[in-house]
């Protein structure tokens, strides 16, 4: 993934909102039946509901963020859970700073 890929991924208000919510998942999402909000991430269904969009639309946003290296996904049963990849985000911030 390049800095350009990351820039494209975060050039959308909804994707930025997802990243902000996932920074503090316990604060922004209700408890889940499956998966721990912090350890496993937030179910894509809850993210779609909070965004007020269909699941396919939310899935596309989540896919873009995952491909850019900003999120990690994990399957539990039939659900996909997402959490921030804070180590990767920190490395990307450093790479951007070093380029400027």
N, C-alpha and C. Protein backbone atom coordinates (compact mmCIF):
# COMPACT_ATOMS: atom_id res chain seq x y z
N UNK A 1 0.83 -1.17 0.00
CA UNK A 1 0.00 0.00 0.00
C UNK A 1 0.88 1.24 0.00
N UNK A 2 0.46 2.22 -0.77
CA UNK A 2 1.24 3.46 -0.87
C UNK A 2 0.52 4.58 -0.13
N UNK A 3 1.24 5.67 0.03
CA UNK A 3 0.64 6.84 0.66
C UNK A 3 -0.53 7.33 -0.19
N UNK A 4 -0.42 7.21 -1.49
CA UNK A 4 -1.51 7.61 -2.38
C UNK A 4 -2.76 6.75 -2.15
N UNK A 5 -2.59 5.44 -1.95
CA UNK A 5 -3.72 4.56 -1.65
C UNK A 5 -4.41 4.98 -0.35
N UNK A 6 -3.62 5.32 0.64
CA UNK A 6 -4.16 5.76 1.92
C UNK A 6 -4.90 7.08 1.75
N UNK A 7 -4.31 8.00 0.99
CA UNK A 7 -4.96 9.29 0.76
C UNK A 7 -6.31 9.10 0.08
N UNK A 8 -6.37 8.20 -0.88
CA UNK A 8 -7.65 7.92 -1.55
C UNK A 8 -8.66 7.32 -0.56
N UNK A 9 -8.17 6.45 0.31
CA UNK A 9 -9.06 5.79 1.27
C UNK A 9 -9.66 6.78 2.26
N UNK A 10 -8.89 7.76 2.69
CA UNK A 10 -9.39 8.68 3.71
C UNK A 10 -9.98 9.96 3.10
N UNK A 11 -10.08 10.00 1.78
CA UNK A 11 -10.65 11.17 1.11
C UNK A 11 -12.17 11.10 1.06
N UNK A 12 -12.76 10.47 2.05
CA UNK A 12 -14.20 10.31 2.11
C UNK A 12 -14.65 10.52 3.55
N UNK A 13 -15.64 11.38 3.75
CA UNK A 13 -16.09 11.71 5.11
C UNK A 13 -16.57 10.48 5.88
N UNK A 14 -17.28 9.58 5.20
CA UNK A 14 -17.79 8.40 5.90
C UNK A 14 -16.66 7.49 6.36
N UNK A 15 -15.64 7.34 5.54
CA UNK A 15 -14.52 6.49 5.94
C UNK A 15 -13.74 7.13 7.10
N UNK A 16 -13.60 8.44 7.08
CA UNK A 16 -12.96 9.12 8.21
C UNK A 16 -13.78 8.94 9.48
N UNK A 17 -15.11 8.99 9.34
CA UNK A 17 -15.99 8.81 10.49
C UNK A 17 -15.83 7.40 11.06
N UNK A 18 -15.76 6.41 10.19
CA UNK A 18 -15.56 5.03 10.65
C UNK A 18 -14.26 4.92 11.45
N UNK A 19 -13.19 5.48 10.93
CA UNK A 19 -11.90 5.43 11.64
C UNK A 19 -12.00 6.11 13.00
N UNK A 20 -12.71 7.24 13.07
CA UNK A 20 -12.87 7.94 14.34
C UNK A 20 -13.67 7.09 15.34
N UNK A 21 -14.77 6.51 14.88
CA UNK A 21 -15.57 5.66 15.77
C UNK A 21 -14.77 4.47 16.28
N UNK A 22 -14.00 3.86 15.39
CA UNK A 22 -13.25 2.65 15.78
C UNK A 22 -12.07 2.96 16.69
N UNK A 23 -11.73 4.23 16.83
CA UNK A 23 -10.67 4.60 17.77
C UNK A 23 -11.15 4.36 19.20
N UNK A 24 -12.45 4.55 19.44
CA UNK A 24 -13.07 4.31 20.74
C UNK A 24 -14.35 3.50 20.55
N UNK A 25 -14.24 2.23 20.21
CA UNK A 25 -15.43 1.45 19.87
C UNK A 25 -16.43 1.29 21.01
N UNK A 26 -15.96 1.18 22.24
CA UNK A 26 -16.87 1.00 23.37
C UNK A 26 -17.74 2.23 23.55
N UNK A 27 -17.19 3.38 23.26
CA UNK A 27 -17.93 4.64 23.39
C UNK A 27 -18.98 4.80 22.30
N UNK A 28 -18.70 4.28 21.12
CA UNK A 28 -19.55 4.56 19.97
C UNK A 28 -20.49 3.43 19.54
N UNK A 29 -20.29 2.22 20.08
CA UNK A 29 -21.10 1.09 19.66
C UNK A 29 -21.63 0.32 20.86
N UNK A 30 -22.82 -0.28 20.72
CA UNK A 30 -23.37 -1.07 21.82
C UNK A 30 -22.64 -2.40 21.96
N UNK A 31 -22.78 -3.06 23.11
CA UNK A 31 -22.16 -4.38 23.28
C UNK A 31 -22.68 -5.34 22.20
N UNK A 32 -21.83 -6.29 21.82
CA UNK A 32 -22.18 -7.25 20.79
C UNK A 32 -22.36 -8.63 21.40
N UNK A 33 -23.18 -9.45 20.77
CA UNK A 33 -23.37 -10.83 21.21
C UNK A 33 -22.09 -11.63 20.97
N UNK A 34 -21.54 -11.47 19.78
CA UNK A 34 -20.30 -12.15 19.41
C UNK A 34 -19.20 -11.12 19.26
N UNK A 35 -18.00 -11.45 19.68
CA UNK A 35 -16.86 -10.57 19.50
C UNK A 35 -16.79 -9.44 20.49
N UNK A 36 -15.59 -9.23 21.01
CA UNK A 36 -15.31 -8.13 21.92
C UNK A 36 -15.03 -6.86 21.10
N UNK A 37 -15.67 -5.77 21.45
CA UNK A 37 -15.51 -4.51 20.69
C UNK A 37 -14.06 -4.09 20.55
N UNK A 38 -13.28 -4.23 21.61
CA UNK A 38 -11.88 -3.79 21.57
C UNK A 38 -10.98 -4.84 20.91
N UNK A 39 -11.10 -6.08 21.35
CA UNK A 39 -10.19 -7.13 20.90
C UNK A 39 -10.49 -7.61 19.48
N UNK A 40 -11.76 -7.85 19.20
CA UNK A 40 -12.15 -8.41 17.91
C UNK A 40 -12.59 -7.36 16.90
N UNK A 41 -13.07 -6.24 17.38
CA UNK A 41 -13.55 -5.19 16.49
C UNK A 41 -15.06 -5.08 16.51
N UNK A 42 -15.57 -4.23 15.65
CA UNK A 42 -17.01 -3.95 15.59
C UNK A 42 -17.60 -4.65 14.37
N UNK A 43 -18.75 -5.25 14.56
CA UNK A 43 -19.43 -5.95 13.48
C UNK A 43 -19.80 -4.95 12.37
N UNK A 44 -19.58 -5.37 11.14
CA UNK A 44 -19.90 -4.52 9.99
C UNK A 44 -21.35 -4.09 9.96
N UNK A 45 -22.25 -4.93 10.49
CA UNK A 45 -23.68 -4.58 10.53
C UNK A 45 -23.90 -3.36 11.41
N UNK A 46 -23.23 -3.31 12.56
CA UNK A 46 -23.37 -2.15 13.46
C UNK A 46 -22.80 -0.89 12.83
N UNK A 47 -21.71 -1.04 12.10
CA UNK A 47 -21.12 0.12 11.43
C UNK A 47 -22.08 0.64 10.36
N UNK A 48 -22.69 -0.25 9.59
CA UNK A 48 -23.66 0.16 8.56
C UNK A 48 -24.84 0.89 9.20
N UNK A 49 -25.34 0.35 10.31
CA UNK A 49 -26.47 0.98 11.00
C UNK A 49 -26.10 2.38 11.48
N UNK A 50 -24.93 2.51 12.08
CA UNK A 50 -24.51 3.81 12.62
C UNK A 50 -24.30 4.82 11.50
N UNK A 51 -23.77 4.36 10.36
CA UNK A 51 -23.59 5.25 9.21
C UNK A 51 -24.91 5.62 8.56
N UNK A 52 -25.93 4.77 8.75
CA UNK A 52 -27.21 4.99 8.11
C UNK A 52 -27.18 4.62 6.63
N UNK A 53 -26.41 3.59 6.31
CA UNK A 53 -26.28 3.13 4.92
C UNK A 53 -26.57 1.63 4.86
N UNK A 54 -26.73 1.12 3.65
CA UNK A 54 -26.94 -0.32 3.48
C UNK A 54 -25.66 -1.07 3.82
N UNK A 55 -25.81 -2.36 4.10
CA UNK A 55 -24.64 -3.18 4.40
C UNK A 55 -23.67 -3.25 3.23
N UNK A 56 -24.15 -3.36 1.97
CA UNK A 56 -23.19 -3.36 0.86
C UNK A 56 -22.38 -2.06 0.75
N UNK A 57 -23.04 -0.93 1.02
CA UNK A 57 -22.33 0.36 0.98
C UNK A 57 -21.27 0.41 2.08
N UNK A 58 -21.65 0.02 3.28
CA UNK A 58 -20.69 0.00 4.39
C UNK A 58 -19.56 -0.97 4.09
N UNK A 59 -19.88 -2.13 3.53
CA UNK A 59 -18.86 -3.12 3.20
C UNK A 59 -17.83 -2.57 2.22
N UNK A 60 -18.29 -1.78 1.27
CA UNK A 60 -17.36 -1.17 0.31
C UNK A 60 -16.42 -0.20 1.01
N UNK A 61 -16.95 0.64 1.89
CA UNK A 61 -16.10 1.56 2.66
C UNK A 61 -15.09 0.78 3.51
N UNK A 62 -15.56 -0.27 4.17
CA UNK A 62 -14.69 -1.07 5.04
C UNK A 62 -13.63 -1.80 4.23
N UNK A 63 -13.98 -2.26 3.06
CA UNK A 63 -13.03 -2.93 2.17
C UNK A 63 -11.91 -1.98 1.75
N UNK A 64 -12.27 -0.76 1.39
CA UNK A 64 -11.29 0.24 0.97
C UNK A 64 -10.33 0.56 2.13
N UNK A 65 -10.87 0.74 3.32
CA UNK A 65 -10.03 1.02 4.49
C UNK A 65 -9.12 -0.16 4.83
N UNK A 66 -9.64 -1.37 4.66
CA UNK A 66 -8.84 -2.57 4.94
C UNK A 66 -7.73 -2.71 3.91
N UNK A 67 -8.05 -2.51 2.64
CA UNK A 67 -7.04 -2.63 1.59
C UNK A 67 -5.94 -1.57 1.73
N UNK A 68 -6.29 -0.42 2.29
CA UNK A 68 -5.30 0.63 2.52
C UNK A 68 -4.45 0.35 3.76
N UNK A 69 -4.79 -0.70 4.51
CA UNK A 69 -4.01 -1.05 5.69
C UNK A 69 -4.43 -0.33 6.95
N UNK A 70 -5.56 0.35 6.92
CA UNK A 70 -6.00 1.13 8.08
C UNK A 70 -6.86 0.31 9.04
N UNK A 71 -7.49 -0.74 8.54
CA UNK A 71 -8.33 -1.62 9.36
C UNK A 71 -7.88 -3.06 9.21
N UNK A 72 -8.22 -3.85 10.21
CA UNK A 72 -8.04 -5.30 10.16
C UNK A 72 -9.43 -5.92 10.30
N UNK A 73 -9.65 -6.98 9.58
CA UNK A 73 -10.94 -7.65 9.67
C UNK A 73 -10.75 -9.04 10.28
N UNK A 74 -11.82 -9.52 10.90
CA UNK A 74 -11.80 -10.83 11.54
C UNK A 74 -13.19 -11.45 11.40
N UNK A 75 -13.24 -12.70 10.95
CA UNK A 75 -14.51 -13.40 10.83
C UNK A 75 -14.81 -14.16 12.12
N UNK A 76 -16.03 -13.99 12.60
CA UNK A 76 -16.54 -14.76 13.72
C UNK A 76 -17.94 -15.21 13.31
N UNK A 77 -18.11 -16.52 13.24
CA UNK A 77 -19.34 -17.11 12.71
C UNK A 77 -19.57 -16.55 11.31
N UNK A 78 -20.75 -15.99 11.05
CA UNK A 78 -21.01 -15.46 9.71
C UNK A 78 -20.75 -13.95 9.62
N UNK A 79 -20.22 -13.36 10.66
CA UNK A 79 -20.04 -11.91 10.72
C UNK A 79 -18.57 -11.52 10.51
N UNK A 80 -18.37 -10.31 10.00
CA UNK A 80 -17.03 -9.76 9.89
C UNK A 80 -16.92 -8.56 10.83
N UNK A 81 -15.86 -8.56 11.61
CA UNK A 81 -15.61 -7.52 12.60
C UNK A 81 -14.39 -6.71 12.17
N UNK A 82 -14.43 -5.41 12.45
CA UNK A 82 -13.37 -4.51 12.01
C UNK A 82 -12.81 -3.73 13.18
N UNK A 83 -11.48 -3.60 13.16
CA UNK A 83 -10.82 -2.75 14.16
C UNK A 83 -9.69 -2.00 13.47
N UNK A 84 -9.32 -0.89 14.07
CA UNK A 84 -8.21 -0.10 13.52
C UNK A 84 -6.90 -0.85 13.65
N UNK A 85 -6.02 -0.66 12.69
CA UNK A 85 -4.66 -1.17 12.78
C UNK A 85 -3.80 0.02 13.20
N UNK A 86 -3.77 0.28 14.50
CA UNK A 86 -3.10 1.48 15.00
C UNK A 86 -1.61 1.49 14.72
N UNK A 87 -0.97 0.32 14.70
CA UNK A 87 0.47 0.26 14.38
C UNK A 87 0.69 0.71 12.94
N UNK A 88 -0.16 0.23 12.05
CA UNK A 88 -0.04 0.61 10.65
C UNK A 88 -0.36 2.10 10.46
N UNK A 89 -1.36 2.59 11.16
CA UNK A 89 -1.72 4.01 11.07
C UNK A 89 -0.56 4.87 11.54
N UNK A 90 0.09 4.48 12.63
CA UNK A 90 1.26 5.23 13.12
C UNK A 90 2.39 5.22 12.11
N UNK A 91 2.63 4.05 11.49
CA UNK A 91 3.69 3.95 10.48
C UNK A 91 3.35 4.83 9.26
N UNK A 92 2.09 4.87 8.89
CA UNK A 92 1.68 5.71 7.76
C UNK A 92 1.83 7.20 8.08
N UNK A 93 1.47 7.58 9.30
CA UNK A 93 1.66 8.97 9.72
C UNK A 93 3.13 9.36 9.63
N UNK A 94 4.00 8.47 10.08
CA UNK A 94 5.43 8.73 10.03
C UNK A 94 5.90 8.84 8.59
N UNK A 95 5.44 7.94 7.74
CA UNK A 95 5.84 7.97 6.32
C UNK A 95 5.39 9.25 5.65
N UNK A 96 4.21 9.72 5.97
CA UNK A 96 3.71 10.98 5.39
C UNK A 96 4.55 12.14 5.89
N UNK A 97 4.82 12.16 7.19
CA UNK A 97 5.65 13.23 7.76
C UNK A 97 7.04 13.24 7.14
N UNK A 98 7.61 12.05 6.95
CA UNK A 98 8.96 11.96 6.36
C UNK A 98 8.98 12.45 4.92
N UNK A 99 7.88 12.24 4.20
CA UNK A 99 7.79 12.69 2.80
C UNK A 99 7.67 14.20 2.69
N UNK A 100 7.05 14.81 3.70
CA UNK A 100 6.87 16.27 3.65
C UNK A 100 8.05 16.93 4.28
